[in-house]
Amino acid sequence: FAARDMIISLRSGMPLYNAIVSIST
């Protein structure tokens, strides 16, 4: 579930580090 959330963030143009920060909680 966290990985799918990260994929959605990356497709919206967010950098990888910011996507990891968003799923760290």
PDB file of all heavy atoms in Angstrom:
ATOM      1  N   PHE A   1       0.838  -1.207   0.000  1.00  0.00           N
ATOM      2  CA  PHE A   1       0.000   0.000   0.000  1.00  0.00           C
ATOM      3  C   PHE A   1       0.874   1.259   0.000  1.00  0.00           C
ATOM      4  O   PHE A   1       0.567   2.233  -0.689  1.00  0.00           O
ATOM      5  CB  PHE A   1      -0.912  -0.009   1.227  1.00  0.00           C
ATOM      6  CG  PHE A   1      -1.764  -1.239   1.323  1.00  0.00           C
ATOM      7  CD1 PHE A   1      -1.447  -2.256   2.215  1.00  0.00           C
ATOM      8  CD2 PHE A   1      -2.893  -1.396   0.520  1.00  0.00           C
ATOM      9  CE1 PHE A   1      -2.221  -3.393   2.307  1.00  0.00           C
ATOM     10  CE2 PHE A   1      -3.680  -2.530   0.604  1.00  0.00           C
ATOM     11  CZ  PHE A   1      -3.344  -3.531   1.508  1.00  0.00           C
ATOM     12  N   ALA A   2       1.978   1.234   0.766  1.00  0.00           N
ATOM     13  CA  ALA A   2       2.884   2.388   0.784  1.00  0.00           C
ATOM     14  C   ALA A   2       3.547   2.586  -0.578  1.00  0.00           C
ATOM     15  O   ALA A   2       3.712   3.724  -1.046  1.00  0.00           O
ATOM     16  CB  ALA A   2       3.941   2.200   1.880  1.00  0.00           C
ATOM     17  N   ALA A   3       3.915   1.487  -1.235  1.00  0.00           N
ATOM     18  CA  ALA A   3       4.566   1.591  -2.546  1.00  0.00           C
ATOM     19  C   ALA A   3       3.600   2.154  -3.596  1.00  0.00           C
ATOM     20  O   ALA A   3       4.000   2.963  -4.456  1.00  0.00           O
ATOM     21  CB  ALA A   3       5.079   0.229  -2.978  1.00  0.00           C
ATOM     22  N   ARG A   4       2.349   1.763  -3.529  1.00  0.00           N
ATOM     23  CA  ARG A   4       1.372   2.309  -4.488  1.00  0.00           C
ATOM     24  C   ARG A   4       1.152   3.804  -4.260  1.00  0.00           C
ATOM     25  O   ARG A   4       1.005   4.580  -5.216  1.00  0.00           O
ATOM     26  CB  ARG A   4       0.052   1.544  -4.362  1.00  0.00           C
ATOM     27  CG  ARG A   4       0.111   0.138  -4.941  1.00  0.00           C
ATOM     28  CD  ARG A   4      -1.125  -0.654  -4.597  1.00  0.00           C
ATOM     29  NE  ARG A   4      -1.070  -1.981  -5.208  1.00  0.00           N
ATOM     30  CZ  ARG A   4      -1.917  -2.977  -4.890  1.00  0.00           C
ATOM     31  NH1 ARG A   4      -2.869  -2.766  -3.988  1.00  0.00           N
ATOM     32  NH2 ARG A   4      -1.801  -4.150  -5.489  1.00  0.00           N
ATOM     33  N   ASP A   5       1.142   4.209  -2.981  1.00  0.00           N
ATOM     34  CA  ASP A   5       1.037   5.634  -2.679  1.00  0.00           C
ATOM     35  C   ASP A   5       2.254   6.385  -3.217  1.00  0.00           C
ATOM     36  O   ASP A   5       2.133   7.508  -3.747  1.00  0.00           O
ATOM     37  CB  ASP A   5       0.920   5.819  -1.167  1.00  0.00           C
ATOM     38  CG  ASP A   5       0.517   7.241  -0.793  1.00  0.00           C
ATOM     39  OD1 ASP A   5       0.453   8.105  -1.679  1.00  0.00           O
ATOM     40  OD2 ASP A   5       0.271   7.485   0.403  1.00  0.00           O
ATOM     41  N   MET A   6       3.430   5.788  -3.113  1.00  0.00           N
ATOM     42  CA  MET A   6       4.640   6.426  -3.640  1.00  0.00           C
ATOM     43  C   MET A   6       4.578   6.553  -5.165  1.00  0.00           C
ATOM     44  O   MET A   6       5.007   7.569  -5.734  1.00  0.00           O
ATOM     45  CB  MET A   6       5.868   5.618  -3.219  1.00  0.00           C
ATOM     46  CG  MET A   6       7.193   6.234  -3.638  1.00  0.00           C
ATOM     47  SD  MET A   6       8.620   5.378  -2.924  1.00  0.00           S
ATOM     48  CE  MET A   6       8.405   3.744  -3.647  1.00  0.00           C
ATOM     49  N   ILE A   7       4.036   5.546  -5.845  1.00  0.00           N
ATOM     50  CA  ILE A   7       3.902   5.604  -7.311  1.00  0.00           C
ATOM     51  C   ILE A   7       2.969   6.756  -7.720  1.00  0.00           C
ATOM     52  O   ILE A   7       3.245   7.500  -8.682  1.00  0.00           O
ATOM     53  CB  ILE A   7       3.377   4.259  -7.839  1.00  0.00           C
ATOM     54  CG1 ILE A   7       4.464   3.187  -7.731  1.00  0.00           C
ATOM     55  CG2 ILE A   7       2.904   4.385  -9.275  1.00  0.00           C
ATOM     56  CD1 ILE A   7       5.630   3.404  -8.642  1.00  0.00           C
ATOM     57  N   ILE A   8       1.878   6.920  -6.966  1.00  0.00           N
ATOM     58  CA  ILE A   8       0.942   8.008  -7.284  1.00  0.00           C
ATOM     59  C   ILE A   8       1.620   9.365  -7.105  1.00  0.00           C
ATOM     60  O   ILE A   8       1.446  10.288  -7.925  1.00  0.00           O
ATOM     61  CB  ILE A   8      -0.308   7.891  -6.389  1.00  0.00           C
ATOM     62  CG1 ILE A   8      -1.088   6.614  -6.733  1.00  0.00           C
ATOM     63  CG2 ILE A   8      -1.200   9.110  -6.538  1.00  0.00           C
ATOM     64  CD1 ILE A   8      -2.227   6.316  -5.783  1.00  0.00           C
ATOM     65  N   SER A   9       2.431   9.489  -6.041  1.00  0.00           N
ATOM     66  CA  SER A   9       3.137  10.759  -5.814  1.00  0.00           C
ATOM     67  C   SER A   9       4.160  11.028  -6.914  1.00  0.00           C
ATOM     68  O   SER A   9       4.325  12.169  -7.360  1.00  0.00           O
ATOM     69  CB  SER A   9       3.827  10.722  -4.440  1.00  0.00           C
ATOM     70  OG  SER A   9       2.891  10.539  -3.401  1.00  0.00           O
ATOM     71  N   LEU A  10       4.854   9.980  -7.366  1.00  0.00           N
ATOM     72  CA  LEU A  10       5.854  10.161  -8.418  1.00  0.00           C
ATOM     73  C   LEU A  10       5.205  10.537  -9.750  1.00  0.00           C
ATOM     74  O   LEU A  10       5.730  11.355 -10.506  1.00  0.00           O
ATOM     75  CB  LEU A  10       6.678   8.882  -8.574  1.00  0.00           C
ATOM     76  CG  LEU A  10       7.636   8.539  -7.424  1.00  0.00           C
ATOM     77  CD1 LEU A  10       8.269   7.178  -7.649  1.00  0.00           C
ATOM     78  CD2 LEU A  10       8.711   9.610  -7.289  1.00  0.00           C
ATOM     79  N   ARG A  11       4.056   9.963 -10.049  1.00  0.00           N
ATOM     80  CA  ARG A  11       3.370  10.284 -11.304  1.00  0.00           C
ATOM     81  C   ARG A  11       2.809  11.704 -11.293  1.00  0.00           C
ATOM     82  O   ARG A  11       2.599  12.291 -12.362  1.00  0.00           O
ATOM     83  CB  ARG A  11       2.257   9.281 -11.551  1.00  0.00           C
ATOM     84  CG  ARG A  11       2.769   7.927 -12.009  1.00  0.00           C
ATOM     85  CD  ARG A  11       1.650   6.941 -12.220  1.00  0.00           C
ATOM     86  NE  ARG A  11       2.167   5.673 -12.764  1.00  0.00           N
ATOM     87  CZ  ARG A  11       1.436   4.575 -12.907  1.00  0.00           C
ATOM     88  NH1 ARG A  11       0.150   4.584 -12.542  1.00  0.00           N
ATOM     89  NH2 ARG A  11       1.979   3.472 -13.410  1.00  0.00           N
ATOM     90  N   SER A  12       2.575  12.238 -10.116  1.00  0.00           N
ATOM     91  CA  SER A  12       2.082  13.622 -10.042  1.00  0.00           C
ATOM     92  C   SER A  12       3.197  14.646 -10.151  1.00  0.00           C
ATOM     93  O   SER A  12       2.927  15.853 -10.083  1.00  0.00           O
ATOM     94  CB  SER A  12       1.330  13.827  -8.723  1.00  0.00           C
ATOM     95  OG  SER A  12       2.216  13.669  -7.617  1.00  0.00           O
ATOM     96  N   GLY A  13       4.446  14.186 -10.320  1.00  0.00           N
ATOM     97  CA  GLY A  13       5.569  15.103 -10.501  1.00  0.00           C
ATOM     98  C   GLY A  13       6.399  15.345  -9.264  1.00  0.00           C
ATOM     99  O   GLY A  13       7.308  16.175  -9.282  1.00  0.00           O
ATOM    100  N   MET A  14       6.134  14.637  -8.203  1.00  0.00           N
ATOM    101  CA  MET A  14       6.889  14.830  -6.969  1.00  0.00           C
ATOM    102  C   MET A  14       8.228  14.099  -7.053  1.00  0.00           C
ATOM    103  O   MET A  14       8.282  12.989  -7.574  1.00  0.00           O
ATOM    104  CB  MET A  14       6.077  14.297  -5.772  1.00  0.00           C
ATOM    105  CG  MET A  14       6.678  14.585  -4.413  1.00  0.00           C
ATOM    106  SD  MET A  14       5.651  13.920  -3.072  1.00  0.00           S
ATOM    107  CE  MET A  14       4.186  14.945  -3.243  1.00  0.00           C
ATOM    108  N   PRO A  15       9.319  14.683  -6.560  1.00  0.00           N
ATOM    109  CA  PRO A  15      10.606  13.961  -6.542  1.00  0.00           C
ATOM    110  C   PRO A  15      10.547  12.728  -5.652  1.00  0.00           C
ATOM    111  O   PRO A  15       9.676  12.601  -4.778  1.00  0.00           O
ATOM    112  CB  PRO A  15      11.591  15.007  -5.993  1.00  0.00           C
ATOM    113  CG  PRO A  15      10.927  16.323  -6.216  1.00  0.00           C
ATOM    114  CD  PRO A  15       9.454  16.075  -6.127  1.00  0.00           C
ATOM    115  N   LEU A  16      11.484  11.821  -5.887  1.00  0.00           N
ATOM    116  CA  LEU A  16      11.483  10.552  -5.146  1.00  0.00           C
ATOM    117  C   LEU A  16      11.668  10.767  -3.655  1.00  0.00           C
ATOM    118  O   LEU A  16      11.000  10.115  -2.846  1.00  0.00           O
ATOM    119  CB  LEU A  16      12.587   9.635  -5.691  1.00  0.00           C
ATOM    120  CG  LEU A  16      12.727   8.268  -5.005  1.00  0.00           C
ATOM    121  CD1 LEU A  16      11.434   7.481  -5.129  1.00  0.00           C
ATOM    122  CD2 LEU A  16      13.890   7.501  -5.595  1.00  0.00           C
ATOM    123  N   TYR A  17      12.561  11.683  -3.276  1.00  0.00           N
ATOM    124  CA  TYR A  17      12.784  11.924  -1.841  1.00  0.00           C
ATOM    125  C   TYR A  17      11.519  12.453  -1.171  1.00  0.00           C
ATOM    126  O   TYR A  17      11.142  12.009  -0.082  1.00  0.00           O
ATOM    127  CB  TYR A  17      13.941  12.905  -1.653  1.00  0.00           C
ATOM    128  CG  TYR A  17      14.123  13.329  -0.214  1.00  0.00           C
ATOM    129  CD1 TYR A  17      14.630  12.449   0.741  1.00  0.00           C
ATOM    130  CD2 TYR A  17      13.767  14.618   0.196  1.00  0.00           C
ATOM    131  CE1 TYR A  17      14.789  12.835   2.058  1.00  0.00           C
ATOM    132  CE2 TYR A  17      13.921  15.018   1.509  1.00  0.00           C
ATOM    133  CZ  TYR A  17      14.436  14.119   2.436  1.00  0.00           C
ATOM    134  OH  TYR A  17      14.585  14.498   3.745  1.00  0.00           O
ATOM    135  N   ASN A  18      10.830  13.403  -1.815  1.00  0.00           N
ATOM    136  CA  ASN A  18       9.586  13.933  -1.239  1.00  0.00           C
ATOM    137  C   ASN A  18       8.503  12.853  -1.165  1.00  0.00           C
ATOM    138  O   ASN A  18       7.689  12.840  -0.231  1.00  0.00           O
ATOM    139  CB  ASN A  18       9.099  15.109  -2.071  1.00  0.00           C
ATOM    140  CG  ASN A  18      10.050  16.290  -2.003  1.00  0.00           C
ATOM    141  OD1 ASN A  18      10.849  16.386  -1.082  1.00  0.00           O
ATOM    142  ND2 ASN A  18       9.984  17.174  -2.988  1.00  0.00           N
ATOM    143  N   ALA A  19       8.482  11.952  -2.156  1.00  0.00           N
ATOM    144  CA  ALA A  19       7.515  10.851  -2.112  1.00  0.00           C
ATOM    145  C   ALA A  19       7.804   9.919  -0.946  1.00  0.00           C
ATOM    146  O   ALA A  19       6.873   9.426  -0.277  1.00  0.00           O
ATOM    147  CB  ALA A  19       7.551  10.087  -3.434  1.00  0.00           C
ATOM    148  N   ILE A  20       9.076   9.660  -0.678  1.00  0.00           N
ATOM    149  CA  ILE A  20       9.442   8.808   0.465  1.00  0.00           C
ATOM    150  C   ILE A  20       9.072   9.498   1.772  1.00  0.00           C
ATOM    151  O   ILE A  20       8.614   8.848   2.724  1.00  0.00           O
ATOM    152  CB  ILE A  20      10.937   8.456   0.390  1.00  0.00           C
ATOM    153  CG1 ILE A  20      11.214   7.575  -0.822  1.00  0.00           C
ATOM    154  CG2 ILE A  20      11.387   7.728   1.658  1.00  0.00           C
ATOM    155  CD1 ILE A  20      12.687   7.281  -1.041  1.00  0.00           C
ATOM    156  N   VAL A  21       9.268  10.807   1.844  1.00  0.00           N
ATOM    157  CA  VAL A  21       8.899  11.552   3.053  1.00  0.00           C
ATOM    158  C   VAL A  21       7.395  11.470   3.290  1.00  0.00           C
ATOM    159  O   VAL A  21       6.929  11.341   4.433  1.00  0.00           O
ATOM    160  CB  VAL A  21       9.359  13.022   2.934  1.00  0.00           C
ATOM    161  CG1 VAL A  21       8.811  13.854   4.090  1.00  0.00           C
ATOM    162  CG2 VAL A  21      10.876  13.105   2.913  1.00  0.00           C
ATOM    163  N   SER A  22       6.597  11.503   2.231  1.00  0.00           N
ATOM    164  CA  SER A  22       5.136  11.473   2.378  1.00  0.00           C
ATOM    165  C   SER A  22       4.619  10.138   2.901  1.00  0.00           C
ATOM    166  O   SER A  22       3.573  10.095   3.560  1.00  0.00           O
ATOM    167  CB  SER A  22       4.476  11.787   1.038  1.00  0.00           C
ATOM    168  OG  SER A  22       4.759  10.764   0.089  1.00  0.00           O
ATOM    169  N   ILE A  23       5.340   9.040   2.609  1.00  0.00           N
ATOM    170  CA  ILE A  23       4.887   7.722   3.091  1.00  0.00           C
ATOM    171  C   ILE A  23       5.670   7.273   4.330  1.00  0.00           C
ATOM    172  O   ILE A  23       5.534   6.123   4.749  1.00  0.00           O
ATOM    173  CB  ILE A  23       5.034   6.657   1.984  1.00  0.00           C
ATOM    174  CG1 ILE A  23       6.486   6.518   1.552  1.00  0.00           C
ATOM    175  CG2 ILE A  23       4.139   6.982   0.813  1.00  0.00           C
ATOM    176  CD1 ILE A  23       6.718   5.416   0.555  1.00  0.00           C
ATOM    177  N   SER A  24       6.480   8.145   4.920  1.00  0.00           N
ATOM    178  CA  SER A  24       7.210   7.786   6.140  1.00  0.00           C
ATOM    179  C   SER A  24       6.318   7.803   7.365  1.00  0.00           C
ATOM    180  O   SER A  24       6.771   7.482   8.468  1.00  0.00           O
ATOM    181  CB  SER A  24       8.389   8.740   6.349  1.00  0.00           C
ATOM    182  OG  SER A  24       7.941  10.080   6.483  1.00  0.00           O
ATOM    183  N   THR A  25       5.051   8.172   7.211  1.00  0.00           N
ATOM    184  CA  THR A  25       4.057   8.114   8.289  1.00  0.00           C
ATOM    185  C   THR A  25       2.753   7.572   7.721  1.00  0.00           C
ATOM    186  O   THR A  25       2.413   7.828   6.561  1.00  0.00           O
ATOM    187  CB  THR A  25       3.806   9.513   8.894  1.00  0.00           C
ATOM    188  OG1 THR A  25       3.430  10.421   7.847  1.00  0.00           O
ATOM    189  CG2 THR A  25       5.045  10.047   9.597  1.00  0.00           C
TER     190      THR A  25
END
